[in-house]
PDB file of N, CA and C in Angstrom:
ATOM      1  N   UNK A   1      -7.669 -25.489  -8.718  1.00  0.00           N
ATOM      2  CA  UNK A   1      -8.207 -24.259  -8.175  1.00  0.00           C
ATOM      3  C   UNK A   1      -7.448 -23.849  -6.924  1.00  0.00           C
ATOM      4  N   UNK A   2      -6.991 -24.836  -6.177  1.00  0.00           N
ATOM      5  CA  UNK A   2      -6.287 -24.556  -4.945  1.00  0.00           C
ATOM      6  C   UNK A   2      -4.983 -23.801  -5.214  1.00  0.00           C
ATOM      7  N   UNK A   3      -4.306 -24.132  -6.306  1.00  0.00           N
ATOM      8  CA  UNK A   3      -3.051 -23.471  -6.670  1.00  0.00           C
ATOM      9  C   UNK A   3      -3.292 -21.994  -6.967  1.00  0.00           C
ATOM     10  N   UNK A   4      -4.411 -21.680  -7.573  1.00  0.00           N
ATOM     11  CA  UNK A   4      -4.744 -20.288  -7.879  1.00  0.00           C
ATOM     12  C   UNK A   4      -4.934 -19.501  -6.583  1.00  0.00           C
ATOM     13  N   UNK A   5      -5.578 -20.111  -5.599  1.00  0.00           N
ATOM     14  CA  UNK A   5      -5.774 -19.445  -4.315  1.00  0.00           C
ATOM     15  C   UNK A   5      -4.441 -19.162  -3.628  1.00  0.00           C
ATOM     16  N   UNK A   6      -3.536 -20.131  -3.679  1.00  0.00           N
ATOM     17  CA  UNK A   6      -2.219 -19.922  -3.081  1.00  0.00           C
ATOM     18  C   UNK A   6      -1.456 -18.822  -3.811  1.00  0.00           C
ATOM     19  N   UNK A   7      -1.569 -18.802  -5.108  1.00  0.00           N
ATOM     20  CA  UNK A   7      -0.888 -17.787  -5.908  1.00  0.00           C
ATOM     21  C   UNK A   7      -1.443 -16.399  -5.596  1.00  0.00           C
ATOM     22  N   UNK A   8      -2.753 -16.282  -5.502  1.00  0.00           N
ATOM     23  CA  UNK A   8      -3.375 -14.999  -5.169  1.00  0.00           C
ATOM     24  C   UNK A   8      -2.984 -14.554  -3.761  1.00  0.00           C
ATOM     25  N   UNK A   9      -2.923 -15.483  -2.814  1.00  0.00           N
ATOM     26  CA  UNK A   9      -2.503 -15.152  -1.456  1.00  0.00           C
ATOM     27  C   UNK A   9      -1.053 -14.690  -1.447  1.00  0.00           C
ATOM     28  N   UNK A  10      -0.213 -15.334  -2.251  1.00  0.00           N
ATOM     29  CA  UNK A  10       1.191 -14.948  -2.339  1.00  0.00           C
ATOM     30  C   UNK A  10       1.339 -13.519  -2.857  1.00  0.00           C
ATOM     31  N   UNK A  11       0.661 -13.214  -3.970  1.00  0.00           N
ATOM     32  CA  UNK A  11       0.749 -11.870  -4.528  1.00  0.00           C
ATOM     33  C   UNK A  11       0.088 -10.837  -3.624  1.00  0.00           C
ATOM     34  N   UNK A  12      -0.980 -11.210  -2.957  1.00  0.00           N
ATOM     35  CA  UNK A  12      -1.592 -10.309  -1.982  1.00  0.00           C
ATOM     36  C   UNK A  12      -0.630  -9.997  -0.850  1.00  0.00           C
ATOM     37  N   UNK A  13       0.118 -10.994  -0.407  1.00  0.00           N
ATOM     38  CA  UNK A  13       1.126 -10.788   0.626  1.00  0.00           C
ATOM     39  C   UNK A  13       2.233  -9.861   0.166  1.00  0.00           C
ATOM     40  N   UNK A  14       2.618  -9.990  -1.084  1.00  0.00           N
ATOM     41  CA  UNK A  14       3.637  -9.093  -1.635  1.00  0.00           C
ATOM     42  C   UNK A  14       3.148  -7.653  -1.609  1.00  0.00           C
ATOM     43  N   UNK A  15       1.906  -7.429  -2.030  1.00  0.00           N
ATOM     44  CA  UNK A  15       1.352  -6.075  -2.066  1.00  0.00           C
ATOM     45  C   UNK A  15       1.266  -5.498  -0.656  1.00  0.00           C
ATOM     46  N   UNK A  16       0.736  -6.259   0.288  1.00  0.00           N
ATOM     47  CA  UNK A  16       0.617  -5.780   1.667  1.00  0.00           C
ATOM     48  C   UNK A  16       2.002  -5.542   2.265  1.00  0.00           C
ATOM     49  N   UNK A  17       2.935  -6.424   2.002  1.00  0.00           N
ATOM     50  CA  UNK A  17       4.292  -6.255   2.518  1.00  0.00           C
ATOM     51  C   UNK A  17       4.970  -5.017   1.957  1.00  0.00           C
ATOM     52  N   UNK A  18       4.797  -4.788   0.670  1.00  0.00           N
ATOM     53  CA  UNK A  18       5.386  -3.595   0.059  1.00  0.00           C
ATOM     54  C   UNK A  18       4.754  -2.325   0.630  1.00  0.00           C
ATOM     55  N   UNK A  19       3.439  -2.349   0.794  1.00  0.00           N
ATOM     56  CA  UNK A  19       2.755  -1.187   1.360  1.00  0.00           C
ATOM     57  C   UNK A  19       3.214  -0.936   2.794  1.00  0.00           C
ATOM     58  N   UNK A  20       3.353  -1.990   3.571  1.00  0.00           N
ATOM     59  CA  UNK A  20       3.816  -1.844   4.957  1.00  0.00           C
ATOM     60  C   UNK A  20       5.236  -1.309   4.987  1.00  0.00           C
ATOM     61  N   UNK A  21       6.082  -1.807   4.107  1.00  0.00           N
ATOM     62  CA  UNK A  21       7.463  -1.328   4.060  1.00  0.00           C
ATOM     63  C   UNK A  21       7.548   0.142   3.718  1.00  0.00           C
ATOM     64  N   UNK A  22       6.744   0.565   2.774  1.00  0.00           N
ATOM     65  CA  UNK A  22       6.759   1.978   2.384  1.00  0.00           C
ATOM     66  C   UNK A  22       6.179   2.847   3.495  1.00  0.00           C
ATOM     67  N   UNK A  23       5.077   2.409   4.080  1.00  0.00           N
ATOM     68  CA  UNK A  23       4.418   3.232   5.099  1.00  0.00           C
ATOM     69  C   UNK A  23       5.176   3.251   6.422  1.00  0.00           C
ATOM     70  N   UNK A  24       5.926   2.212   6.723  1.00  0.00           N
ATOM     71  CA  UNK A  24       6.630   2.148   7.995  1.00  0.00           C
ATOM     72  C   UNK A  24       8.096   2.535   7.879  1.00  0.00           C
ATOM     73  N   UNK A  25       8.510   2.976   6.707  1.00  0.00           N
ATOM     74  CA  UNK A  25       9.898   3.386   6.498  1.00  0.00           C
ATOM     75  C   UNK A  25      10.194   4.636   7.325  1.00  0.00           C
ATOM     76  N   UNK A  26      11.447   4.808   7.725  1.00  0.00           N
ATOM     77  CA  UNK A  26      11.799   5.952   8.572  1.00  0.00           C
ATOM     78  C   UNK A  26      11.958   7.259   7.800  1.00  0.00           C
ATOM     79  N   UNK A  27      10.963   7.616   7.039  1.00  0.00           N
ATOM     80  CA  UNK A  27      10.956   8.883   6.313  1.00  0.00           C
ATOM     81  C   UNK A  27       9.765   9.710   6.770  1.00  0.00           C
ATOM     82  N   UNK A  28       9.840  10.996   6.462  1.00  0.00           N
ATOM     83  CA  UNK A  28       8.689  11.848   6.748  1.00  0.00           C
ATOM     84  C   UNK A  28       7.510  11.384   5.906  1.00  0.00           C
ATOM     85  N   UNK A  29       6.322  11.537   6.443  1.00  0.00           N
ATOM     86  CA  UNK A  29       5.116  11.121   5.731  1.00  0.00           C
ATOM     87  C   UNK A  29       4.952  11.816   4.400  1.00  0.00           C
ATOM     88  N   UNK A  30       5.292  13.105   4.344  1.00  0.00           N
ATOM     89  CA  UNK A  30       5.143  13.834   3.087  1.00  0.00           C
ATOM     90  C   UNK A  30       6.090  13.292   2.024  1.00  0.00           C
ATOM     91  N   UNK A  31       7.303  12.894   2.432  1.00  0.00           N
ATOM     92  CA  UNK A  31       8.246  12.305   1.476  1.00  0.00           C
ATOM     93  C   UNK A  31       7.728  10.964   0.975  1.00  0.00           C
ATOM     94  N   UNK A  32       7.166  10.176   1.879  1.00  0.00           N
ATOM     95  CA  UNK A  32       6.627   8.867   1.497  1.00  0.00           C
ATOM     96  C   UNK A  32       5.447   9.029   0.551  1.00  0.00           C
ATOM     97  N   UNK A  33       4.549   9.957   0.864  1.00  0.00           N
ATOM     98  CA  UNK A  33       3.404  10.196  -0.016  1.00  0.00           C
ATOM     99  C   UNK A  33       3.865  10.652  -1.399  1.00  0.00           C
ATOM    100  N   UNK A  34       4.892  11.481  -1.444  1.00  0.00           N
ATOM    101  CA  UNK A  34       5.411  11.946  -2.725  1.00  0.00           C
ATOM    102  C   UNK A  34       5.998  10.782  -3.532  1.00  0.00           C
ATOM    103  N   UNK A  35       6.682   9.863  -2.857  1.00  0.00           N
ATOM    104  CA  UNK A  35       7.236   8.690  -3.546  1.00  0.00           C
ATOM    105  C   UNK A  35       6.114   7.808  -4.090  1.00  0.00           C
ATOM    106  N   UNK A  36       5.056   7.635  -3.298  1.00  0.00           N
ATOM    107  CA  UNK A  36       3.916   6.840  -3.763  1.00  0.00           C
ATOM    108  C   UNK A  36       3.269   7.512  -4.964  1.00  0.00           C
ATOM    109  N   UNK A  37       3.045   8.824  -4.872  1.00  0.00           N
ATOM    110  CA  UNK A  37       2.428   9.563  -5.970  1.00  0.00           C
ATOM    111  C   UNK A  37       3.275   9.469  -7.235  1.00  0.00           C
ATOM    112  N   UNK A  38       4.588   9.576  -7.100  1.00  0.00           N
ATOM    113  CA  UNK A  38       5.476   9.475  -8.263  1.00  0.00           C
ATOM    114  C   UNK A  38       5.399   8.082  -8.895  1.00  0.00           C
ATOM    115  N   UNK A  39       5.378   7.046  -8.057  1.00  0.00           N
ATOM    116  CA  UNK A  39       5.270   5.680  -8.577  1.00  0.00           C
ATOM    117  C   UNK A  39       3.942   5.490  -9.320  1.00  0.00           C
ATOM    118  N   UNK A  40       2.869   6.059  -8.788  1.00  0.00           N
ATOM    119  CA  UNK A  40       1.573   5.954  -9.459  1.00  0.00           C
ATOM    120  C   UNK A  40       1.564   6.742 -10.758  1.00  0.00           C
ATOM    121  N   UNK A  41       2.167   7.936 -10.764  1.00  0.00           N
ATOM    122  CA  UNK A  41       2.221   8.749 -11.981  1.00  0.00           C
ATOM    123  C   UNK A  41       2.959   8.015 -13.093  1.00  0.00           C
ATOM    124  N   UNK A  42       4.019   7.294 -12.746  1.00  0.00           N
ATOM    125  CA  UNK A  42       4.766   6.533 -13.751  1.00  0.00           C
ATOM    126  C   UNK A  42       3.897   5.470 -14.393  1.00  0.00           C
ATOM    127  N   UNK A  43       2.870   5.035 -13.680  1.00  0.00           N
ATOM    128  CA  UNK A  43       1.956   4.020 -14.205  1.00  0.00           C
ATOM    129  C   UNK A  43       0.693   4.640 -14.794  1.00  0.00           C
ATOM    130  N   UNK A  44       0.680   5.969 -14.920  1.00  0.00           N
ATOM    131  CA  UNK A  44      -0.441   6.653 -15.549  1.00  0.00           C
ATOM    132  C   UNK A  44      -1.600   6.949 -14.621  1.00  0.00           C
ATOM    133  N   UNK A  45      -1.390   6.857 -13.307  1.00  0.00           N
ATOM    134  CA  UNK A  45      -2.455   7.112 -12.342  1.00  0.00           C
ATOM    135  C   UNK A  45      -2.182   8.462 -11.684  1.00  0.00           C
ATOM    136  N   UNK A  46      -3.109   9.382 -11.810  1.00  0.00           N
ATOM    137  CA  UNK A  46      -2.945  10.713 -11.232  1.00  0.00           C
ATOM    138  C   UNK A  46      -3.861  10.855 -10.015  1.00  0.00           C
ATOM    139  N   UNK A  47      -3.292  11.258  -8.887  1.00  0.00           N
ATOM    140  CA  UNK A  47      -4.062  11.478  -7.666  1.00  0.00           C
ATOM    141  C   UNK A  47      -3.767  12.874  -7.126  1.00  0.00           C
ATOM    142  N   UNK A  48      -4.816  13.556  -6.693  1.00  0.00           N
ATOM    143  CA  UNK A  48      -4.574  14.829  -6.020  1.00  0.00           C
ATOM    144  C   UNK A  48      -4.277  14.542  -4.547  1.00  0.00           C
ATOM    145  N   UNK A  49      -3.967  15.568  -3.785  1.00  0.00           N
ATOM    146  CA  UNK A  49      -3.558  15.385  -2.393  1.00  0.00           C
ATOM    147  C   UNK A  49      -4.651  14.708  -1.569  1.00  0.00           C
ATOM    148  N   UNK A  50      -5.902  15.087  -1.799  1.00  0.00           N
ATOM    149  CA  UNK A  50      -7.025  14.493  -1.050  1.00  0.00           C
ATOM    150  C   UNK A  50      -7.131  12.991  -1.342  1.00  0.00           C
ATOM    151  N   UNK A  51      -7.024  12.637  -2.621  1.00  0.00           N
ATOM    152  CA  UNK A  51      -7.095  11.221  -2.996  1.00  0.00           C
ATOM    153  C   UNK A  51      -5.910  10.440  -2.440  1.00  0.00           C
ATOM    154  N   UNK A  52      -4.725  11.062  -2.442  1.00  0.00           N
ATOM    155  CA  UNK A  52      -3.532  10.395  -1.907  1.00  0.00           C
ATOM    156  C   UNK A  52      -3.693  10.151  -0.409  1.00  0.00           C
ATOM    157  N   UNK A  53      -4.189  11.156   0.316  1.00  0.00           N
ATOM    158  CA  UNK A  53      -4.403  10.983   1.747  1.00  0.00           C
ATOM    159  C   UNK A  53      -5.420   9.877   2.025  1.00  0.00           C
ATOM    160  N   UNK A  54      -6.459   9.802   1.194  1.00  0.00           N
ATOM    161  CA  UNK A  54      -7.462   8.747   1.359  1.00  0.00           C
ATOM    162  C   UNK A  54      -6.848   7.376   1.091  1.00  0.00           C
ATOM    163  N   UNK A  55      -5.989   7.276   0.082  1.00  0.00           N
ATOM    164  CA  UNK A  55      -5.324   6.013  -0.225  1.00  0.00           C
ATOM    165  C   UNK A  55      -4.430   5.577   0.930  1.00  0.00           C
ATOM    166  N   UNK A  56      -3.634   6.491   1.447  1.00  0.00           N
ATOM    167  CA  UNK A  56      -2.743   6.181   2.569  1.00  0.00           C
ATOM    168  C   UNK A  56      -3.563   5.759   3.782  1.00  0.00           C
ATOM    169  N   UNK A  57      -4.665   6.451   4.024  1.00  0.00           N
ATOM    170  CA  UNK A  57      -5.533   6.105   5.144  1.00  0.00           C
ATOM    171  C   UNK A  57      -6.116   4.701   4.981  1.00  0.00           C
ATOM    172  N   UNK A  58      -6.565   4.377   3.780  1.00  0.00           N
ATOM    173  CA  UNK A  58      -7.121   3.048   3.522  1.00  0.00           C
ATOM    174  C   UNK A  58      -6.073   1.957   3.730  1.00  0.00           C
ATOM    175  N   UNK A  59      -4.868   2.197   3.250  1.00  0.00           N
ATOM    176  CA  UNK A  59      -3.800   1.204   3.409  1.00  0.00           C
ATOM    177  C   UNK A  59      -3.458   1.048   4.885  1.00  0.00           C
ATOM    178  N   UNK A  60      -3.381   2.161   5.611  1.00  0.00           N
ATOM    179  CA  UNK A  60      -3.071   2.095   7.041  1.00  0.00           C
ATOM    180  C   UNK A  60      -4.131   1.314   7.802  1.00  0.00           C
ATOM    181  N   UNK A  61      -5.392   1.567   7.481  1.00  0.00           N
ATOM    182  CA  UNK A  61      -6.484   0.845   8.143  1.00  0.00           C
ATOM    183  C   UNK A  61      -6.412  -0.651   7.826  1.00  0.00           C
ATOM    184  N   UNK A  62      -6.107  -0.980   6.590  1.00  0.00           N
ATOM    185  CA  UNK A  62      -6.002  -2.394   6.203  1.00  0.00           C
ATOM    186  C   UNK A  62      -4.864  -3.074   6.939  1.00  0.00           C
ATOM    187  N   UNK A  63      -3.736  -2.375   7.071  1.00  0.00           N
ATOM    188  CA  UNK A  63      -2.603  -2.942   7.796  1.00  0.00           C
ATOM    189  C   UNK A  63      -2.923  -3.101   9.280  1.00  0.00           C
ATOM    190  N   UNK A  64      -3.624  -2.145   9.857  1.00  0.00           N
ATOM    191  CA  UNK A  64      -4.014  -2.234  11.262  1.00  0.00           C
ATOM    192  C   UNK A  64      -4.955  -3.408  11.493  1.00  0.00           C
ATOM    193  N   UNK A  65      -5.879  -3.593  10.556  1.00  0.00           N
ATOM    194  CA  UNK A  65      -6.829  -4.699  10.665  1.00  0.00           C
ATOM    195  C   UNK A  65      -6.109  -6.044  10.565  1.00  0.00           C
ATOM    196  N   UNK A  66      -5.120  -6.141   9.686  1.00  0.00           N
ATOM    197  CA  UNK A  66      -4.390  -7.402   9.554  1.00  0.00           C
ATOM    198  C   UNK A  66      -3.508  -7.653  10.772  1.00  0.00           C
ATOM    199  N   UNK A  67      -2.987  -6.582  11.406  1.00  0.00           N
ATOM    200  CA  UNK A  67      -2.214  -6.732  12.633  1.00  0.00           C
ATOM    201  C   UNK A  67      -3.102  -7.207  13.783  1.00  0.00           C
ATOM    202  N   UNK A  68      -4.334  -6.695  13.833  1.00  0.00           N
ATOM    203  CA  UNK A  68      -5.265  -7.078  14.891  1.00  0.00           C
ATOM    204  C   UNK A  68      -5.655  -8.552  14.769  1.00  0.00           C
ATOM    205  N   UNK A  69      -5.741  -9.040  13.533  1.00  0.00           N
ATOM    206  CA  UNK A  69      -6.124 -10.439  13.305  1.00  0.00           C
ATOM    207  C   UNK A  69      -5.009 -11.399  13.704  1.00  0.00           C
ATOM    208  N   UNK A  70      -3.773 -10.943  13.607  1.00  0.00           N
ATOM    209  CA  UNK A  70      -2.615 -11.830  13.893  1.00  0.00           C
ATOM    210  C   UNK A  70      -2.393 -12.038  15.348  1.00  0.00           C
TER     211      UNK A  70
END
């Protein structure tokens, strides 16, 4: 069971790291949001602008919370 926890933590770290890399990249926010939306569309997930802004906000809050814990 312990190996499963380590594996989940590893993949969780990958997701958070990828999100941080995309959100902290030196691009305009609108360009970054468009790239995220395009990546989601390729996977069959459709988001309108309001939903995309909410997603970005949630990811930003999660990253801020993890920074505060460190």
